[in-house]
Amino acid sequence: MAEDGEKSAGKGFKVADRRRFSETGETRETGETAEAPAAAEAERAEAGAAARKSSAEPPVEINFSTFVISLSTQALMHLGEIADPISGKVETDLTVAKQMIDIIALLGEKTRGNLDAGEQQLMEDVLYDLRMRYVAAVKKR
């Protein structure tokens, strides 16, 4: 019996991870071993660390105000007020802009009474500004 254990220990074995998604949620290619995702993850981590070192800007703190401002920035992009950061092009999609404005309004309704004075004022100002810009964009067409 001990001889069988010694023989199999020298042989080794291969572990095949048959899960469809990796630990990060990305789709795996078929036949990928458990070692391959770890190596790929290590490469991604190194690339991410290099990108963070090259970036001089500290990460932005996420709070309610920055969340509302990010939604309003998306609405402005769809209104054609600012360029798409990825393509660099200014494009107008009024349907999506209206949807973003409605999402901000919904968020304002659902959080009413739970915001401090500054957050409430921000919501009102952002909604007023976006609605006026939306009306102006619709009139242009």
Protein backbone atom coordinates (compact mmCIF):
# COMPACT_ATOMS: atom_id res chain seq x y z
CA MET A 1 0.00 0.00 0.00
CA ALA A 2 2.78 2.44 0.90
CA GLU A 3 4.31 1.78 -2.51
CA ASP A 4 1.08 2.89 -4.26
CA GLY A 5 1.10 6.17 -2.30
CA GLU A 6 4.72 6.80 -3.24
CA LYS A 7 4.03 6.13 -6.93
CA SER A 8 1.01 8.44 -7.08
CA ALA A 9 2.82 11.20 -5.18
CA GLY A 10 5.53 11.27 -7.84
CA LYS A 11 3.00 11.30 -10.66
CA GLY A 12 1.06 14.40 -9.61
CA PHE A 13 -2.31 15.38 -10.90
CA LYS A 14 -3.94 18.18 -12.80
CA VAL A 15 -6.89 20.12 -11.40
CA ALA A 16 -9.30 21.42 -14.01
CA ASP A 17 -11.63 24.19 -12.86
CA ARG A 18 -14.90 23.55 -14.69
CA ARG A 19 -16.76 26.56 -13.32
CA ARG A 20 -18.11 28.88 -15.98
CA PHE A 21 -16.96 32.10 -14.30
CA SER A 22 -13.72 33.10 -12.60
CA GLU A 23 -13.43 34.55 -9.10
CA THR A 24 -13.73 38.05 -10.61
CA GLY A 25 -16.92 37.17 -12.48
CA GLU A 26 -15.37 37.02 -15.94
CA THR A 27 -16.34 34.21 -18.32
CA ARG A 28 -13.73 31.49 -18.50
CA GLU A 29 -12.58 29.84 -21.64
CA THR A 30 -13.17 26.08 -21.71
CA GLY A 31 -10.32 23.83 -20.69
CA GLU A 32 -8.68 26.46 -18.49
CA THR A 33 -6.86 25.01 -15.48
CA ALA A 34 -6.99 26.35 -11.96
CA GLU A 35 -3.43 27.67 -12.33
CA ALA A 36 -4.17 29.76 -15.43
CA PRO A 37 -6.73 32.09 -13.79
CA ALA A 38 -4.35 32.68 -10.90
CA ALA A 39 -1.59 33.70 -13.29
CA ALA A 40 -3.94 35.91 -15.29
CA GLU A 41 -5.23 37.48 -12.08
CA ALA A 42 -1.68 38.19 -10.94
CA GLU A 43 -0.93 39.90 -14.27
CA ARG A 44 -4.10 42.00 -13.96
CA ALA A 45 -3.20 42.94 -10.39
CA GLU A 46 0.28 44.05 -11.49
CA ALA A 47 -1.17 46.10 -14.35
CA GLY A 48 -3.71 47.67 -12.00
CA ALA A 49 -0.98 48.54 -9.49
CA ALA A 50 1.09 50.15 -12.24
CA ALA A 51 -1.91 52.17 -13.41
CA ARG A 52 -2.62 53.34 -9.87
CA LYS A 53 1.00 54.41 -9.40
CA SER A 54 0.97 56.39 -12.65
CA SER A 55 -2.25 58.15 -11.68
CA ALA A 56 -1.49 61.23 -9.60
CA GLU A 57 -5.12 61.72 -8.58
CA PRO A 58 -6.37 60.12 -5.37
CA PRO A 59 -9.61 58.14 -5.68
CA VAL A 60 -12.77 60.19 -5.28
CA GLU A 61 -14.74 59.57 -2.11
CA ILE A 62 -18.14 58.11 -2.95
CA ASN A 63 -21.00 59.62 -1.02
CA PHE A 64 -24.56 60.65 -1.85
CA SER A 65 -23.52 63.98 -3.39
CA THR A 66 -20.86 62.47 -5.67
CA PHE A 67 -23.34 59.79 -6.71
CA VAL A 68 -25.95 62.40 -7.70
CA ILE A 69 -23.31 64.42 -9.53
CA SER A 70 -22.17 61.33 -11.45
CA LEU A 71 -25.76 60.66 -12.53
CA SER A 72 -26.18 64.29 -13.59
CA THR A 73 -22.93 64.12 -15.57
CA GLN A 74 -24.31 61.14 -17.47
CA ALA A 75 -27.49 63.07 -18.17
CA LEU A 76 -25.45 66.05 -19.43
CA MET A 77 -23.49 63.74 -21.70
CA HIS A 78 -26.71 62.37 -23.21
CA LEU A 79 -28.07 65.89 -23.60
CA GLY A 80 -25.04 66.67 -25.74
CA GLU A 81 -23.66 69.20 -23.25
CA ILE A 82 -20.37 67.35 -22.67
CA ALA A 83 -18.34 64.85 -24.67
CA ASP A 84 -18.38 61.12 -24.03
CA PRO A 85 -15.17 60.45 -22.06
CA ILE A 86 -14.46 57.23 -23.94
CA SER A 87 -15.10 58.23 -27.54
CA GLY A 88 -14.50 61.97 -27.11
CA LYS A 89 -17.56 62.68 -29.27
CA VAL A 90 -20.52 64.85 -28.34
CA GLU A 91 -23.67 62.85 -29.01
CA THR A 92 -27.29 63.53 -28.11
CA ASP A 93 -29.75 60.88 -26.97
CA LEU A 94 -32.75 62.63 -25.45
CA THR A 95 -34.51 59.39 -24.51
CA VAL A 96 -31.61 58.27 -22.33
CA ALA A 97 -31.17 61.81 -20.96
CA LYS A 98 -34.82 61.87 -19.88
CA GLN A 99 -34.40 58.46 -18.28
CA MET A 100 -31.37 59.69 -16.29
CA ILE A 101 -33.31 62.76 -15.14
CA ASP A 102 -36.20 60.53 -14.10
CA ILE A 103 -33.81 58.27 -12.15
CA ILE A 104 -32.44 61.27 -10.26
CA ALA A 105 -36.02 62.45 -9.55
CA LEU A 106 -36.95 58.97 -8.31
CA LEU A 107 -33.89 58.93 -6.07
CA GLY A 108 -34.92 62.34 -4.73
CA GLU A 109 -38.44 61.11 -3.97
CA LYS A 110 -37.26 57.94 -2.26
CA THR A 111 -34.72 59.78 -0.09
CA ARG A 112 -36.96 62.73 0.83
CA GLY A 113 -36.78 63.35 4.55
CA ASN A 114 -33.51 61.40 4.88
CA LEU A 115 -31.15 63.98 3.37
CA ASP A 116 -29.35 66.80 5.08
CA ALA A 117 -29.99 70.36 3.89
CA GLY A 118 -26.99 70.40 1.51
CA GLU A 119 -27.94 67.10 -0.13
CA GLN A 120 -31.57 68.20 -0.52
CA GLN A 121 -30.49 71.50 -2.10
CA LEU A 122 -28.14 69.64 -4.45
CA MET A 123 -30.98 67.35 -5.57
CA GLU A 124 -33.29 70.31 -6.25
CA ASP A 125 -30.62 72.30 -8.10
CA VAL A 126 -29.46 69.37 -10.23
CA LEU A 127 -33.03 68.43 -11.18
CA TYR A 128 -33.98 72.01 -12.04
CA ASP A 129 -30.87 72.50 -14.17
CA LEU A 130 -31.22 69.18 -16.01
CA ARG A 131 -34.93 69.70 -16.67
CA MET A 132 -34.32 73.17 -18.13
CA ARG A 133 -31.52 71.84 -20.34
CA TYR A 134 -33.75 68.95 -21.46
CA VAL A 135 -36.57 71.35 -22.44
CA ALA A 136 -34.06 73.49 -24.37
CA ALA A 137 -32.69 70.41 -26.17
CA VAL A 138 -36.19 69.25 -27.13
CA LYS A 139 -37.04 72.73 -28.50
CA LYS A 140 -33.88 72.67 -30.67
CA ARG A 141 -35.10 69.56 -32.46
